């Protein structure tokens, strides 16, 4: 085997090993945030909000407060959605405005 083929094989081996190590690190870090404490999972808010109206469902992921007003979407980028309509998926109620930012 000549020198150029040997170097190519070594380079591919080193890159493959690095990729495998990075994948292992990514998998262990991504599971770490959710499995540290099984009694108290991490949520955006301290308690999971429950919507009082049966037509509404809680917005579990942080979503921008974009509501349909007079047939047009109006978005407030300083608020998160609290409850969405089950049929349409459009935000109906929002959390209070966060004035820190």
C-alpha atoms as a PDB file:
ATOM      1  CA  UNK A   1       0.000   0.000   0.000  1.00  0.00           C
ATOM      2  CA  UNK A   2       1.519   3.329  -0.947  1.00  0.00           C
ATOM      3  CA  UNK A   3       1.837   6.310   1.405  1.00  0.00           C
ATOM      4  CA  UNK A   4      -1.083   8.372   0.028  1.00  0.00           C
ATOM      5  CA  UNK A   5      -3.585   5.528   0.523  1.00  0.00           C
ATOM      6  CA  UNK A   6      -2.240   4.946   4.028  1.00  0.00           C
ATOM      7  CA  UNK A   7      -2.691   8.639   4.938  1.00  0.00           C
ATOM      8  CA  UNK A   8      -6.199   8.666   3.462  1.00  0.00           C
ATOM      9  CA  UNK A   9      -7.147   5.640   5.554  1.00  0.00           C
ATOM     10  CA  UNK A  10      -5.694   7.247   8.705  1.00  0.00           C
ATOM     11  CA  UNK A  11      -7.542  10.509   8.052  1.00  0.00           C
ATOM     12  CA  UNK A  12     -10.877   8.754   7.521  1.00  0.00           C
ATOM     13  CA  UNK A  13     -10.312   6.709  10.687  1.00  0.00           C
ATOM     14  CA  UNK A  14      -9.578   9.810  12.793  1.00  0.00           C
ATOM     15  CA  UNK A  15     -12.612  11.677  11.420  1.00  0.00           C
ATOM     16  CA  UNK A  16     -14.851   8.651  12.055  1.00  0.00           C
ATOM     17  CA  UNK A  17     -13.653   8.355  15.645  1.00  0.00           C
ATOM     18  CA  UNK A  18     -14.266  12.075  16.230  1.00  0.00           C
ATOM     19  CA  UNK A  19     -17.792  11.826  14.819  1.00  0.00           C
ATOM     20  CA  UNK A  20     -18.599   8.846  17.052  1.00  0.00           C
ATOM     21  CA  UNK A  21     -17.295  10.698  20.125  1.00  0.00           C
ATOM     22  CA  UNK A  22     -19.364  13.798  19.268  1.00  0.00           C
ATOM     23  CA  UNK A  23     -22.505  11.686  18.809  1.00  0.00           C
ATOM     24  CA  UNK A  24     -21.966  10.009  22.195  1.00  0.00           C
ATOM     25  CA  UNK A  25     -21.467  13.403  23.886  1.00  0.00           C
ATOM     26  CA  UNK A  26     -24.617  14.794  22.237  1.00  0.00           C
ATOM     27  CA  UNK A  27     -26.754  11.829  23.311  1.00  0.00           C
ATOM     28  CA  UNK A  28     -25.584  11.935  26.924  1.00  0.00           C
ATOM     29  CA  UNK A  29     -26.017  15.726  27.199  1.00  0.00           C
ATOM     30  CA  UNK A  30     -29.493  15.750  25.610  1.00  0.00           C
ATOM     31  CA  UNK A  31     -30.799  13.106  28.032  1.00  0.00           C
ATOM     32  CA  UNK A  32     -29.181  14.744  31.035  1.00  0.00           C
ATOM     33  CA  UNK A  33     -31.564  17.712  31.249  1.00  0.00           C
ATOM     34  CA  UNK A  34     -34.667  15.561  31.527  1.00  0.00           C
ATOM     35  CA  UNK A  35     -33.465  12.621  33.596  1.00  0.00           C
ATOM     36  CA  UNK A  36     -31.677  14.335  36.493  1.00  0.00           C
ATOM     37  CA  UNK A  37     -34.675  14.504  38.781  1.00  0.00           C
ATOM     38  CA  UNK A  38     -37.658  12.302  37.975  1.00  0.00           C
ATOM     39  CA  UNK A  39     -39.830  13.731  40.771  1.00  0.00           C
ATOM     40  CA  UNK A  40     -39.563  17.301  39.491  1.00  0.00           C
ATOM     41  CA  UNK A  41     -39.323  17.500  35.697  1.00  0.00           C
ATOM     42  CA  UNK A  42     -38.223  20.808  34.219  1.00  0.00           C
ATOM     43  CA  UNK A  43     -41.042  22.984  32.893  1.00  0.00           C
ATOM     44  CA  UNK A  44     -41.038  26.542  31.642  1.00  0.00           C
ATOM     45  CA  UNK A  45     -43.411  27.555  34.449  1.00  0.00           C
ATOM     46  CA  UNK A  46     -43.571  26.145  37.986  1.00  0.00           C
ATOM     47  CA  UNK A  47     -46.971  24.532  37.435  1.00  0.00           C
ATOM     48  CA  UNK A  48     -48.586  23.262  34.293  1.00  0.00           C
ATOM     49  CA  UNK A  49     -51.427  25.659  33.484  1.00  0.00           C
ATOM     50  CA  UNK A  50     -54.913  24.215  33.010  1.00  0.00           C
ATOM     51  CA  UNK A  51     -57.370  26.020  30.742  1.00  0.00           C
ATOM     52  CA  UNK A  52     -60.870  26.390  32.212  1.00  0.00           C
ATOM     53  CA  UNK A  53     -62.733  26.286  28.891  1.00  0.00           C
ATOM     54  CA  UNK A  54     -63.216  22.732  27.474  1.00  0.00           C
ATOM     55  CA  UNK A  55     -62.622  24.108  23.948  1.00  0.00           C
ATOM     56  CA  UNK A  56     -59.104  25.185  24.914  1.00  0.00           C
ATOM     57  CA  UNK A  57     -55.917  23.217  25.522  1.00  0.00           C
ATOM     58  CA  UNK A  58     -52.729  24.410  27.247  1.00  0.00           C
ATOM     59  CA  UNK A  59     -49.843  25.523  25.058  1.00  0.00           C
ATOM     60  CA  UNK A  60     -47.065  23.314  26.438  1.00  0.00           C
ATOM     61  CA  UNK A  61     -44.116  24.710  24.517  1.00  0.00           C
ATOM     62  CA  UNK A  62     -43.185  28.381  24.704  1.00  0.00           C
ATOM     63  CA  UNK A  63     -45.052  30.002  21.830  1.00  0.00           C
ATOM     64  CA  UNK A  64     -45.331  33.664  20.939  1.00  0.00           C
ATOM     65  CA  UNK A  65     -48.732  35.133  21.725  1.00  0.00           C
ATOM     66  CA  UNK A  66     -50.275  35.392  18.234  1.00  0.00           C
ATOM     67  CA  UNK A  67     -54.055  35.752  18.341  1.00  0.00           C
ATOM     68  CA  UNK A  68     -56.669  36.185  15.620  1.00  0.00           C
ATOM     69  CA  UNK A  69     -58.293  39.617  16.055  1.00  0.00           C
ATOM     70  CA  UNK A  70     -60.813  40.821  13.441  1.00  0.00           C
ATOM     71  CA  UNK A  71     -59.584  38.230  10.925  1.00  0.00           C
ATOM     72  CA  UNK A  72     -55.896  39.226  11.239  1.00  0.00           C
ATOM     73  CA  UNK A  73     -53.072  37.793  13.290  1.00  0.00           C
ATOM     74  CA  UNK A  74     -51.782  40.134  15.982  1.00  0.00           C
ATOM     75  CA  UNK A  75     -48.569  39.025  17.696  1.00  0.00           C
ATOM     76  CA  UNK A  76     -47.132  40.272  20.970  1.00  0.00           C
ATOM     77  CA  UNK A  77     -43.493  39.185  21.110  1.00  0.00           C
ATOM     78  CA  UNK A  78     -43.197  39.914  24.835  1.00  0.00           C
ATOM     79  CA  UNK A  79     -45.839  37.354  25.840  1.00  0.00           C
ATOM     80  CA  UNK A  80     -46.215  33.578  25.605  1.00  0.00           C
ATOM     81  CA  UNK A  81     -49.383  31.725  24.685  1.00  0.00           C
ATOM     82  CA  UNK A  82     -51.296  30.196  27.606  1.00  0.00           C
ATOM     83  CA  UNK A  83     -54.235  28.400  25.941  1.00  0.00           C
ATOM     84  CA  UNK A  84     -54.889  27.381  22.331  1.00  0.00           C
ATOM     85  CA  UNK A  85     -58.118  26.493  20.575  1.00  0.00           C
ATOM     86  CA  UNK A  86     -58.360  22.692  20.186  1.00  0.00           C
ATOM     87  CA  UNK A  87     -59.874  22.894  16.698  1.00  0.00           C
ATOM     88  CA  UNK A  88     -57.690  25.557  15.109  1.00  0.00           C
ATOM     89  CA  UNK A  89     -54.514  25.550  17.211  1.00  0.00           C
ATOM     90  CA  UNK A  90     -54.615  29.355  17.385  1.00  0.00           C
ATOM     91  CA  UNK A  91     -53.702  31.023  20.667  1.00  0.00           C
ATOM     92  CA  UNK A  92     -56.735  32.307  22.600  1.00  0.00           C
ATOM     93  CA  UNK A  93     -55.266  33.528  25.913  1.00  0.00           C
ATOM     94  CA  UNK A  94     -51.757  34.683  26.796  1.00  0.00           C
ATOM     95  CA  UNK A  95     -49.608  35.100  29.872  1.00  0.00           C
ATOM     96  CA  UNK A  96     -48.931  38.559  31.259  1.00  0.00           C
ATOM     97  CA  UNK A  97     -46.468  40.798  29.441  1.00  0.00           C
ATOM     98  CA  UNK A  98     -42.876  40.430  30.629  1.00  0.00           C
ATOM     99  CA  UNK A  99     -41.410  43.919  30.919  1.00  0.00           C
ATOM    100  CA  UNK A 100     -37.852  42.845  31.884  1.00  0.00           C
ATOM    101  CA  UNK A 101     -36.607  42.841  28.293  1.00  0.00           C
END
